Amino acid sequence: MTMEPLLRVNNLQQHFQVSRKFTVKAVNGVTFSINAGETYGLVGESGSGKTTIGRSIIRLYDPTGGEIIFNGKNIAGRLDGDTRRMLRKDMQMIFQDPMSSLNPRKKIGDIIAEGLDIHRLYSTVEERNAIVSGILQKVGLSAAHAERYPHQFSGGQRQRVGIARALVMNPKLIIADECISALDVSIQAQVVNLMKDIQSDSGCAYLFIAHDLSMVKYISDRIGVLHLGYLVETGTTEEIFSNPMHAYTRSLISAIPLPNPRIEKHRRSEAYSATAADYADGVMECVGGTHYVLR
């Protein structure tokens, strides 16, 4: 018996009308799925549509077309009250910039507990404070930090606050939108290890959006490669790195820096310069093994 995926995205399209004559087609027919407890890495260069997909899935944007099936319900169209409450409780997002996503006028404890307050997930103030203290300790902060403001923390600590805010709702899916790109390399490793530990404890699934392939390789079970709004290749982490089928995927992998400066000095990355017209005409279509390319 095959288990139903936690999230299934079918032919997702997200277009933005700039003027009467011009429309930006940010996402074009993207299809993928995420199983419960799995980490799906979505990679691509800046402007490829990664963040737009994440925001469309969590319904910060209204999708132009396609289906988004989450927890057995289609959340792509108009949402009724029950579906909206389920979505807001079971799906959370960790934003790219931890400072701009935290209200500077609120204390950390109130920021983390906002979801608890909205959904009334506690009986007493003491229970609320205990939940906030517990989640702060879970992400490597202390209970005393609940009384501080965002500007009193470092970048890595603010990102931990963002993770705590997402985790406090005990969600089934967390969308991590380039949540480590603004951090130092050593802090990136701490945050990613923290996310892996939390996943093993809670069983939540991640949509891990990033452009750093080496980090995506470390955390992801499966990977989707996005280019110009098209999902050009998808497969397990081992398949993508050992046998990339698409030229753009090979180009991304060749751009990963090597830790040996002598080799890195003379190494040349593989160039790739396809346009959206190539995908529209089907030039880049290619199928091999469990990989597939979508137009």
C-alpha atoms as a PDB file:
ATOM      1  CA  MET A   1       0.000   0.000   0.000  1.00  0.00           C
ATOM      2  CA  THR A   2       1.423   3.358  -1.113  1.00  0.00           C
ATOM      3  CA  MET A   3       1.141   6.216   1.352  1.00  0.00           C
ATOM      4  CA  GLU A   4      -0.333   9.481   0.124  1.00  0.00           C
ATOM      5  CA  PRO A   5       2.251  12.324   0.039  1.00  0.00           C
ATOM      6  CA  LEU A   6       1.856  15.037   2.662  1.00  0.00           C
ATOM      7  CA  LEU A   7       2.146  17.688  -0.063  1.00  0.00           C
ATOM      8  CA  ARG A   8       1.473  17.228  -3.754  1.00  0.00           C
ATOM      9  CA  VAL A   9       1.977  20.120  -6.168  1.00  0.00           C
ATOM     10  CA  ASN A  10       0.517  19.563  -9.651  1.00  0.00           C
ATOM     11  CA  ASN A  11       1.257  21.905 -12.569  1.00  0.00           C
ATOM     12  CA  LEU A  12       1.670  24.963 -10.320  1.00  0.00           C
ATOM     13  CA  GLN A  13       1.688  28.264 -12.174  1.00  0.00           C
ATOM     14  CA  GLN A  14       2.321  31.686 -10.645  1.00  0.00           C
ATOM     15  CA  HIS A  15       2.125  34.711 -12.926  1.00  0.00           C
ATOM     16  CA  PHE A  16       2.296  38.392 -11.984  1.00  0.00           C
ATOM     17  CA  GLN A  17       0.668  40.964 -14.241  1.00  0.00           C
ATOM     18  CA  VAL A  18       2.920  44.023 -14.309  1.00  0.00           C
ATOM     19  CA  SER A  19       0.895  45.964 -16.885  1.00  0.00           C
ATOM     20  CA  ARG A  20      -1.817  45.338 -19.449  1.00  0.00           C
ATOM     21  CA  LYS A  21       0.751  44.128 -21.954  1.00  0.00           C
ATOM     22  CA  PHE A  22       3.343  42.453 -19.744  1.00  0.00           C
ATOM     23  CA  THR A  23       3.074  39.496 -17.371  1.00  0.00           C
ATOM     24  CA  VAL A  24       5.961  37.923 -15.442  1.00  0.00           C
ATOM     25  CA  LYS A  25       5.622  34.134 -15.569  1.00  0.00           C
ATOM     26  CA  ALA A  26       7.579  33.312 -12.421  1.00  0.00           C
ATOM     27  CA  VAL A  27       6.529  29.646 -12.118  1.00  0.00           C
ATOM     28  CA  ASN A  28       5.443  27.502 -15.051  1.00  0.00           C
ATOM     29  CA  GLY A  29       3.875  24.078 -14.530  1.00  0.00           C
ATOM     30  CA  VAL A  30       5.929  22.835 -11.574  1.00  0.00           C
ATOM     31  CA  THR A  31       5.044  19.367 -10.207  1.00  0.00           C
ATOM     32  CA  PHE A  32       6.539  17.591  -7.197  1.00  0.00           C
ATOM     33  CA  SER A  33       5.537  15.903  -3.934  1.00  0.00           C
ATOM     34  CA  ILE A  34       6.828  15.726  -0.355  1.00  0.00           C
ATOM     35  CA  ASN A  35       6.236  12.753   1.935  1.00  0.00           C
ATOM     36  CA  ALA A  36       5.707  12.983   5.692  1.00  0.00           C
ATOM     37  CA  GLY A  37       9.020  13.335   7.549  1.00  0.00           C
ATOM     38  CA  GLU A  38      10.968  13.961   4.333  1.00  0.00           C
ATOM     39  CA  THR A  39      13.200  16.864   3.309  1.00  0.00           C
ATOM     40  CA  TYR A  40      12.760  18.020  -0.284  1.00  0.00           C
ATOM     41  CA  GLY A  41      15.438  20.432  -1.476  1.00  0.00           C
ATOM     42  CA  LEU A  42      14.498  23.015  -4.100  1.00  0.00           C
ATOM     43  CA  VAL A  43      17.580  24.549  -5.731  1.00  0.00           C
ATOM     44  CA  GLY A  44      18.269  27.034  -8.479  1.00  0.00           C
ATOM     45  CA  GLU A  45      19.871  30.391  -9.154  1.00  0.00           C
ATOM     46  CA  SER A  46      18.440  33.695  -7.939  1.00  0.00           C
ATOM     47  CA  GLY A  47      15.275  34.562  -9.864  1.00  0.00           C
ATOM     48  CA  SER A  48      14.427  30.957 -10.772  1.00  0.00           C
ATOM     49  CA  GLY A  49      11.161  31.010  -8.799  1.00  0.00           C
ATOM     50  CA  LYS A  50      12.113  29.105  -5.630  1.00  0.00           C
ATOM     51  CA  THR A  51      10.739  31.609  -3.119  1.00  0.00           C
ATOM     52  CA  THR A  52       7.646  32.187  -5.258  1.00  0.00           C
ATOM     53  CA  ILE A  53       6.834  28.473  -5.100  1.00  0.00           C
ATOM     54  CA  GLY A  54       7.176  28.453  -1.315  1.00  0.00           C
ATOM     55  CA  ARG A  55       4.976  31.509  -0.914  1.00  0.00           C
ATOM     56  CA  SER A  56       2.375  30.090  -3.307  1.00  0.00           C
ATOM     57  CA  ILE A  57       2.226  26.800  -1.389  1.00  0.00           C
ATOM     58  CA  ILE A  58       1.661  28.529   1.955  1.00  0.00           C
ATOM     59  CA  ARG A  59      -0.827  30.857   0.215  1.00  0.00           C
ATOM     60  CA  LEU A  60       0.953  34.163   0.663  1.00  0.00           C
ATOM     61  CA  TYR A  61       0.290  34.350  -3.094  1.00  0.00           C
ATOM     62  CA  ASP A  62      -2.859  33.153  -4.840  1.00  0.00           C
ATOM     63  CA  PRO A  63      -1.722  30.569  -7.443  1.00  0.00           C
ATOM     64  CA  THR A  64      -2.541  31.394 -11.062  1.00  0.00           C
ATOM     65  CA  GLY A  65      -3.135  27.739 -11.901  1.00  0.00           C
ATOM     66  CA  GLY A  66      -2.571  24.152 -10.821  1.00  0.00           C
ATOM     67  CA  GLU A  67      -3.298  22.136  -7.699  1.00  0.00           C
ATOM     68  CA  ILE A  68      -1.743  22.145  -4.230  1.00  0.00           C
ATOM     69  CA  ILE A  69      -2.893  19.130  -2.223  1.00  0.00           C
ATOM     70  CA  PHE A  70      -1.825  19.409   1.415  1.00  0.00           C
ATOM     71  CA  ASN A  71      -2.908  16.907   4.051  1.00  0.00           C
ATOM     72  CA  GLY A  72      -5.520  15.540   1.634  1.00  0.00           C
ATOM     73  CA  LYS A  73      -7.114  18.929   0.853  1.00  0.00           C
ATOM     74  CA  ASN A  74      -6.758  21.174  -2.189  1.00  0.00           C
ATOM     75  CA  ILE A  75      -5.542  24.536  -0.900  1.00  0.00           C
ATOM     76  CA  ALA A  76      -4.951  26.195  -4.289  1.00  0.00           C
ATOM     77  CA  GLY A  77      -8.395  27.776  -4.638  1.00  0.00           C
ATOM     78  CA  ARG A  78     -10.742  29.604  -2.308  1.00  0.00           C
ATOM     79  CA  LEU A  79     -10.252  28.415   1.267  1.00  0.00           C
ATOM     80  CA  ASP A  80     -13.090  27.749   3.683  1.00  0.00           C
ATOM     81  CA  GLY A  81     -12.648  28.413   7.389  1.00  0.00           C
ATOM     82  CA  ASP A  82     -11.693  24.867   8.400  1.00  0.00           C
ATOM     83  CA  THR A  83      -9.146  24.493   5.585  1.00  0.00           C
ATOM     84  CA  ARG A  84      -7.610  27.884   6.363  1.00  0.00           C
ATOM     85  CA  ARG A  85      -7.201  27.006  10.048  1.00  0.00           C
ATOM     86  CA  MET A  86      -5.680  23.638   9.149  1.00  0.00           C
ATOM     87  CA  LEU A  87      -3.245  25.313   6.741  1.00  0.00           C
ATOM     88  CA  ARG A  88      -2.191  28.005   9.222  1.00  0.00           C
ATOM     89  CA  LYS A  89      -1.603  25.440  11.952  1.00  0.00           C
ATOM     90  CA  ASP A  90      -0.001  22.548  10.043  1.00  0.00           C
ATOM     91  CA  MET A  91       2.201  24.517   7.628  1.00  0.00           C
ATOM     92  CA  GLN A  92       4.756  27.096   8.763  1.00  0.00           C
ATOM     93  CA  MET A  93       7.494  29.118   7.071  1.00  0.00           C
ATOM     94  CA  ILE A  94      11.015  30.158   8.075  1.00  0.00           C
ATOM     95  CA  PHE A  95      11.838  33.326   6.173  1.00  0.00           C
ATOM     96  CA  GLN A  96      15.110  34.261   4.521  1.00  0.00           C
ATOM     97  CA  ASP A  97      15.884  37.432   6.493  1.00  0.00           C
ATOM     98  CA  PRO A  98      15.388  36.786  10.216  1.00  0.00           C
ATOM     99  CA  MET A  99      15.471  40.474  11.141  1.00  0.00           C
ATOM    100  CA  SER A 100      12.833  41.742   8.714  1.00  0.00           C
ATOM    101  CA  SER A 101      10.493  38.829   9.533  1.00  0.00           C
ATOM    102  CA  LEU A 102      10.435  39.615  13.281  1.00  0.00           C
ATOM    103  CA  ASN A 103       8.356  42.472  14.666  1.00  0.00           C
ATOM    104  CA  PRO A 104      10.885  44.897  16.254  1.00  0.00           C
ATOM    105  CA  ARG A 105       8.257  46.221  18.676  1.00  0.00           C
ATOM    106  CA  LYS A 106       7.430  42.840  20.200  1.00  0.00           C
ATOM    107  CA  LYS A 107       9.372  40.742  22.651  1.00  0.00           C
ATOM    108  CA  ILE A 108      10.617  37.358  21.466  1.00  0.00           C
ATOM    109  CA  GLY A 109       8.191  35.502  23.744  1.00  0.00           C
ATOM    110  CA  ASP A 110       5.185  37.294  22.223  1.00  0.00           C
ATOM    111  CA  ILE A 111       6.477  36.737  18.674  1.00  0.00           C
ATOM    112  CA  ILE A 112       6.835  32.997  19.234  1.00  0.00           C
ATOM    113  CA  ALA A 113       3.485  32.694  21.017  1.00  0.00           C
ATOM    114  CA  GLU A 114       1.494  34.607  18.387  1.00  0.00           C
ATOM    115  CA  GLY A 115       0.298  31.399  16.712  1.00  0.00           C
ATOM    116  CA  LEU A 116      -0.645  29.949  20.087  1.00  0.00           C
ATOM    117  CA  ASP A 117      -2.659  33.089  20.857  1.00  0.00           C
ATOM    118  CA  ILE A 118      -4.497  33.069  17.520  1.00  0.00           C
ATOM    119  CA  HIS A 119      -5.429  29.365  17.652  1.00  0.00           C
ATOM    120  CA  ARG A 120      -5.979  29.319  21.449  1.00  0.00           C
ATOM    121  CA  LEU A 121      -3.673  26.341  22.004  1.00  0.00           C
ATOM    122  CA  TYR A 122      -3.250  26.824  25.751  1.00  0.00           C
ATOM    123  CA  SER A 123      -5.482  27.065  28.801  1.00  0.00           C
ATOM    124  CA  THR A 124      -3.570  29.411  31.103  1.00  0.00           C
ATOM    125  CA  VAL A 125      -0.856  32.035  30.874  1.00  0.00           C
ATOM    126  CA  GLU A 126       1.455  29.710  32.808  1.00  0.00           C
ATOM    127  CA  GLU A 127       0.974  26.997  30.188  1.00  0.00           C
ATOM    128  CA  ARG A 128       1.677  29.513  27.409  1.00  0.00           C
ATOM    129  CA  ASN A 129       4.911  30.626  29.069  1.00  0.00           C
ATOM    130  CA  ALA A 130       5.957  27.015  29.631  1.00  0.00           C
ATOM    131  CA  ILE A 131       5.439  26.203  25.936  1.00  0.00           C
ATOM    132  CA  VAL A 132       7.494  29.239  24.870  1.00  0.00           C
ATOM    133  CA  SER A 133      10.284  28.429  27.322  1.00  0.00           C
ATOM    134  CA  GLY A 134      10.395  24.822  26.154  1.00  0.00           C
ATOM    135  CA  ILE A 135      10.630  25.706  22.464  1.00  0.00           C
ATOM    136  CA  LEU A 136      13.345  28.312  23.146  1.00  0.00           C
ATOM    137  CA  GLN A 137      15.443  25.713  24.915  1.00  0.00           C
ATOM    138  CA  LYS A 138      14.801  23.270  22.083  1.00  0.00           C
ATOM    139  CA  VAL A 139      16.421  25.641  19.567  1.00  0.00           C
ATOM    140  CA  GLY A 140      19.397  26.397  21.786  1.00  0.00           C
ATOM    141  CA  LEU A 141      18.252  29.591  23.501  1.00  0.00           C
ATOM    142  CA  SER A 142      17.318  30.182  27.135  1.00  0.00           C
ATOM    143  CA  ALA A 143      13.929  30.950  28.668  1.00  0.00           C
ATOM    144  CA  ALA A 144      15.226  34.394  29.716  1.00  0.00           C
ATOM    145  CA  HIS A 145      15.528  35.371  26.038  1.00  0.00           C
ATOM    146  CA  ALA A 146      11.719  35.585  25.837  1.00  0.00           C
ATOM    147  CA  GLU A 147      11.913  39.051  27.435  1.00  0.00           C
ATOM    148  CA  ARG A 148      14.323  40.467  24.858  1.00  0.00           C
ATOM    149  CA  TYR A 149      13.682  42.242  21.547  1.00  0.00           C
ATOM    150  CA  PRO A 150      14.914  41.070  18.096  1.00  0.00           C
ATOM    151  CA  HIS A 151      17.642  43.735  17.811  1.00  0.00           C
ATOM    152  CA  GLN A 152      19.303  42.313  20.944  1.00  0.00           C
ATOM    153  CA  PHE A 153      20.197  39.062  19.153  1.00  0.00           C
ATOM    154  CA  SER A 154      22.801  38.058  16.590  1.00  0.00           C
ATOM    155  CA  GLY A 155      21.812  36.831  13.127  1.00  0.00           C
ATOM    156  CA  GLY A 156      22.129  33.178  14.093  1.00  0.00           C
ATOM    157  CA  GLN A 157      20.087  33.684  17.252  1.00  0.00           C
ATOM    158  CA  ARG A 158      17.358  35.516  15.305  1.00  0.00           C
ATOM    159  CA  GLN A 159      17.175  32.621  12.876  1.00  0.00           C
ATOM    160  CA  ARG A 160      16.732  30.272  15.820  1.00  0.00           C
ATOM    161  CA  VAL A 161      13.846  32.474  16.940  1.00  0.00           C
ATOM    162  CA  GLY A 162      12.337  32.098  13.465  1.00  0.00           C
ATOM    163  CA  ILE A 163      12.673  28.322  13.729  1.00  0.00           C
ATOM    164  CA  ALA A 164      11.108  28.386  17.203  1.00  0.00           C
ATOM    165  CA  ARG A 165       8.166  30.426  15.921  1.00  0.00           C
ATOM    166  CA  ALA A 166       7.543  27.825  13.215  1.00  0.00           C
ATOM    167  CA  LEU A 167       8.009  24.839  15.540  1.00  0.00           C
ATOM    168  CA  VAL A 168       5.747  26.053  18.343  1.00  0.00           C
ATOM    169  CA  MET A 169       2.683  25.155  16.241  1.00  0.00           C
ATOM    170  CA  ASN A 170       3.948  21.566  15.861  1.00  0.00           C
ATOM    171  CA  PRO A 171       3.461  21.714  12.059  1.00  0.00           C
ATOM    172  CA  LYS A 172       3.529  18.835   9.604  1.00  0.00           C
ATOM    173  CA  LEU A 173       5.417  20.852   6.962  1.00  0.00           C
ATOM    174  CA  ILE A 174       7.955  23.669   7.339  1.00  0.00           C
ATOM    175  CA  ILE A 175       8.957  25.751   4.324  1.00  0.00           C
ATOM    176  CA  ALA A 176      12.532  26.945   4.919  1.00  0.00           C
ATOM    177  CA  ASP A 177      13.109  29.787   2.456  1.00  0.00           C
ATOM    178  CA  GLU A 178      16.896  30.266   2.196  1.00  0.00           C
ATOM    179  CA  CYS A 179      16.936  30.302   5.978  1.00  0.00           C
ATOM    180  CA  ILE A 180      20.753  29.991   6.187  1.00  0.00           C
ATOM    181  CA  SER A 181      21.899  32.173   3.281  1.00  0.00           C
ATOM    182  CA  ALA A 182      22.418  35.290   5.440  1.00  0.00           C
ATOM    183  CA  LEU A 183      24.423  33.464   8.113  1.00  0.00           C
ATOM    184  CA  ASP A 184      28.131  32.730   8.565  1.00  0.00           C
ATOM    185  CA  VAL A 185      29.260  29.281   7.420  1.00  0.00           C
ATOM    186  CA  SER A 186      29.821  28.002  10.970  1.00  0.00           C
ATOM    187  CA  ILE A 187      26.368  29.259  12.013  1.00  0.00           C
ATOM    188  CA  GLN A 188      24.840  27.668   8.896  1.00  0.00           C
ATOM    189  CA  ALA A 189      26.085  24.264  10.035  1.00  0.00           C
ATOM    190  CA  GLN A 190      24.634  24.801  13.522  1.00  0.00           C
ATOM    191  CA  VAL A 191      21.208  25.802  12.146  1.00  0.00           C
ATOM    192  CA  VAL A 192      21.053  22.917   9.661  1.00  0.00           C
ATOM    193  CA  ASN A 193      22.066  20.378  12.326  1.00  0.00           C
ATOM    194  CA  LEU A 194      19.414  21.869  14.606  1.00  0.00           C
ATOM    195  CA  MET A 195      16.793  21.420  11.872  1.00  0.00           C
ATOM    196  CA  LYS A 196      17.826  17.791  11.353  1.00  0.00           C
ATOM    197  CA  ASP A 197      17.612  17.085  15.092  1.00  0.00           C
ATOM    198  CA  ILE A 198      14.179  18.690  15.308  1.00  0.00           C
ATOM    199  CA  GLN A 199      12.978  16.663  12.333  1.00  0.00           C
ATOM    200  CA  SER A 200      14.098  13.407  13.942  1.00  0.00           C
ATOM    201  CA  ASP A 201      12.231  14.353  17.136  1.00  0.00           C
ATOM    202  CA  SER A 202       9.009  15.773  15.677  1.00  0.00           C
ATOM    203  CA  GLY A 203       8.750  13.956  12.319  1.00  0.00           C
ATOM    204  CA  CYS A 204       7.962  17.156  10.401  1.00  0.00           C
ATOM    205  CA  ALA A 205       8.701  17.517   6.677  1.00  0.00           C
ATOM    206  CA  TYR A 206      10.810  20.299   5.139  1.00  0.00           C
ATOM    207  CA  LEU A 207      10.671  22.101   1.831  1.00  0.00           C
ATOM    208  CA  PHE A 208      14.265  23.364   1.945  1.00  0.00           C
ATOM    209  CA  ILE A 209      14.739  26.224  -0.530  1.00  0.00           C
ATOM    210  CA  ALA A 210      18.356  27.197  -1.229  1.00  0.00           C
ATOM    211  CA  HIS A 211      20.934  27.908  -3.895  1.00  0.00           C
ATOM    212  CA  ASP A 212      23.811  26.281  -1.988  1.00  0.00           C
ATOM    213  CA  LEU A 213      23.956  22.769  -3.449  1.00  0.00           C
ATOM    214  CA  SER A 214      26.458  21.467  -0.909  1.00  0.00           C
ATOM    215  CA  MET A 215      24.111  22.311   1.980  1.00  0.00           C
ATOM    216  CA  VAL A 216      21.110  20.923   0.113  1.00  0.00           C
ATOM    217  CA  LYS A 217      23.037  17.687  -0.454  1.00  0.00           C
ATOM    218  CA  TYR A 218      23.649  17.403   3.285  1.00  0.00           C
ATOM    219  CA  ILE A 219      20.072  17.911   4.470  1.00  0.00           C
ATOM    220  CA  SER A 220      17.810  16.685   1.628  1.00  0.00           C
ATOM    221  CA  ASP A 221      16.344  13.260   0.843  1.00  0.00           C
ATOM    222  CA  ARG A 222      15.218  14.335  -2.620  1.00  0.00           C
ATOM    223  CA  ILE A 223      16.098  17.359  -4.755  1.00  0.00           C
ATOM    224  CA  GLY A 224      14.305  19.358  -7.431  1.00  0.00           C
ATOM    225  CA  VAL A 225      16.292  21.649  -9.748  1.00  0.00           C
ATOM    226  CA  LEU A 226      14.501  24.821 -10.810  1.00  0.00           C
ATOM    227  CA  HIS A 227      15.450  27.063 -13.723  1.00  0.00           C
ATOM    228  CA  LEU A 228      13.479  30.021 -15.117  1.00  0.00           C
ATOM    229  CA  GLY A 229      10.308  28.826 -13.409  1.00  0.00           C
ATOM    230  CA  TYR A 230      10.552  25.254 -14.742  1.00  0.00           C
ATOM    231  CA  LEU A 231      11.429  22.141 -12.752  1.00  0.00           C
ATOM    232  CA  VAL A 232      14.078  20.704 -15.047  1.00  0.00           C
ATOM    233  CA  GLU A 233      15.122  17.666 -13.000  1.00  0.00           C
ATOM    234  CA  THR A 234      14.211  15.827  -9.823  1.00  0.00           C
ATOM    235  CA  GLY A 235      15.389  12.702  -8.042  1.00  0.00           C
ATOM    236  CA  THR A 236      17.015  11.436  -4.879  1.00  0.00           C
ATOM    237  CA  THR A 237      20.089  13.261  -3.605  1.00  0.00           C
ATOM    238  CA  GLU A 238      22.350  10.414  -4.679  1.00  0.00           C
ATOM    239  CA  GLU A 239      20.872  10.324  -8.195  1.00  0.00           C
ATOM    240  CA  ILE A 240      21.152  14.064  -8.738  1.00  0.00           C
ATOM    241  CA  PHE A 241      24.803  14.253  -7.654  1.00  0.00           C
ATOM    242  CA  SER A 242      26.071  10.959  -9.094  1.00  0.00           C
ATOM    243  CA  ASN A 243      24.215  11.043 -12.414  1.00  0.00           C
ATOM    244  CA  PRO A 244      22.799  14.500 -13.288  1.00  0.00           C
ATOM    245  CA  MET A 245      20.762  14.250 -16.483  1.00  0.00           C
ATOM    246  CA  HIS A 246      20.218  17.914 -17.280  1.00  0.00           C
ATOM    247  CA  ALA A 247      22.898  20.331 -18.461  1.00  0.00           C
ATOM    248  CA  TYR A 248      21.759  22.998 -15.988  1.00  0.00           C
ATOM    249  CA  THR A 249      22.093  20.554 -13.085  1.00  0.00           C
ATOM    250  CA  ARG A 250      25.617  19.672 -14.223  1.00  0.00           C
ATOM    251  CA  SER A 251      26.419  23.380 -14.403  1.00  0.00           C
ATOM    252  CA  LEU A 252      25.221  23.944 -10.823  1.00  0.00           C
ATOM    253  CA  ILE A 253      27.208  20.990  -9.507  1.00  0.00           C
ATOM    254  CA  SER A 254      30.356  22.113 -11.329  1.00  0.00           C
ATOM    255  CA  ALA A 255      30.083  25.518  -9.596  1.00  0.00           C
ATOM    256  CA  ILE A 256      30.376  24.019  -6.076  1.00  0.00           C
ATOM    257  CA  PRO A 257      33.738  25.273  -4.716  1.00  0.00           C
ATOM    258  CA  LEU A 258      36.342  22.694  -3.722  1.00  0.00           C
ATOM    259  CA  PRO A 259      38.254  22.970  -0.413  1.00  0.00           C
ATOM    260  CA  ASN A 260      41.606  22.486  -2.185  1.00  0.00           C
ATOM    261  CA  PRO A 261      42.882  25.932  -3.377  1.00  0.00           C
ATOM    262  CA  ARG A 262      45.345  24.435  -5.879  1.00  0.00           C
ATOM    263  CA  ILE A 263      42.613  22.509  -7.681  1.00  0.00           C
ATOM    264  CA  GLU A 264      40.084  25.325  -7.326  1.00  0.00           C
ATOM    265  CA  LYS A 265      42.468  27.840  -8.896  1.00  0.00           C
ATOM    266  CA  HIS A 266      42.548  25.984 -12.233  1.00  0.00           C
ATOM    267  CA  ARG A 267      39.055  24.497 -12.196  1.00  0.00           C
ATOM    268  CA  ARG A 268      36.474  25.751 -14.688  1.00  0.00           C
ATOM    269  CA  SER A 269      32.735  25.486 -14.073  1.00  0.00           C
ATOM    270  CA  GLU A 270      30.427  24.236 -16.807  1.00  0.00           C
ATOM    271  CA  ALA A 271      28.572  27.050 -18.581  1.00  0.00           C
ATOM    272  CA  TYR A 272      24.831  26.918 -19.244  1.00  0.00           C
ATOM    273  CA  SER A 273      22.759  29.581 -20.981  1.00  0.00           C
ATOM    274  CA  ALA A 274      19.361  28.145 -21.935  1.00  0.00           C
ATOM    275  CA  THR A 275      16.385  30.503 -22.158  1.00  0.00           C
ATOM    276  CA  ALA A 276      12.721  30.089 -21.274  1.00  0.00           C
ATOM    277  CA  ALA A 277      11.986  29.610 -24.970  1.00  0.00           C
ATOM    278  CA  ASP A 278      13.989  26.366 -24.907  1.00  0.00           C
ATOM    279  CA  TYR A 279      11.631  24.914 -22.309  1.00  0.00           C
ATOM    280  CA  ALA A 280       8.528  26.254 -24.025  1.00  0.00           C
ATOM    281  CA  ASP A 281       9.583  24.541 -27.263  1.00  0.00           C
ATOM    282  CA  GLY A 282      10.541  21.329 -25.482  1.00  0.00           C
ATOM    283  CA  VAL A 283      14.212  21.474 -26.522  1.00  0.00           C
ATOM    284  CA  MET A 284      15.389  20.522 -23.035  1.00  0.00           C
ATOM    285  CA  GLU A 285      13.091  17.531 -22.572  1.00  0.00           C
ATOM    286  CA  CYS A 286      15.032  14.505 -21.367  1.00  0.00           C
ATOM    287  CA  VAL A 287      14.082  11.370 -19.456  1.00  0.00           C
ATOM    288  CA  GLY A 288      16.417   8.895 -17.786  1.00  0.00           C
ATOM    289  CA  GLY A 289      16.092   6.522 -14.819  1.00  0.00           C
ATOM    290  CA  THR A 290      13.933   8.009 -12.091  1.00  0.00           C
ATOM    291  CA  HIS A 291      14.824  11.530 -13.195  1.00  0.00           C
ATOM    292  CA  TYR A 292      12.416  13.446 -15.368  1.00  0.00           C
ATOM    293  CA  VAL A 293      12.275  16.847 -16.985  1.00  0.00           C
ATOM    294  CA  LEU A 294       9.097  18.878 -17.072  1.00  0.00           C
ATOM    295  CA  ARG A 295       8.247  21.473 -19.668  1.00  0.00           C
END
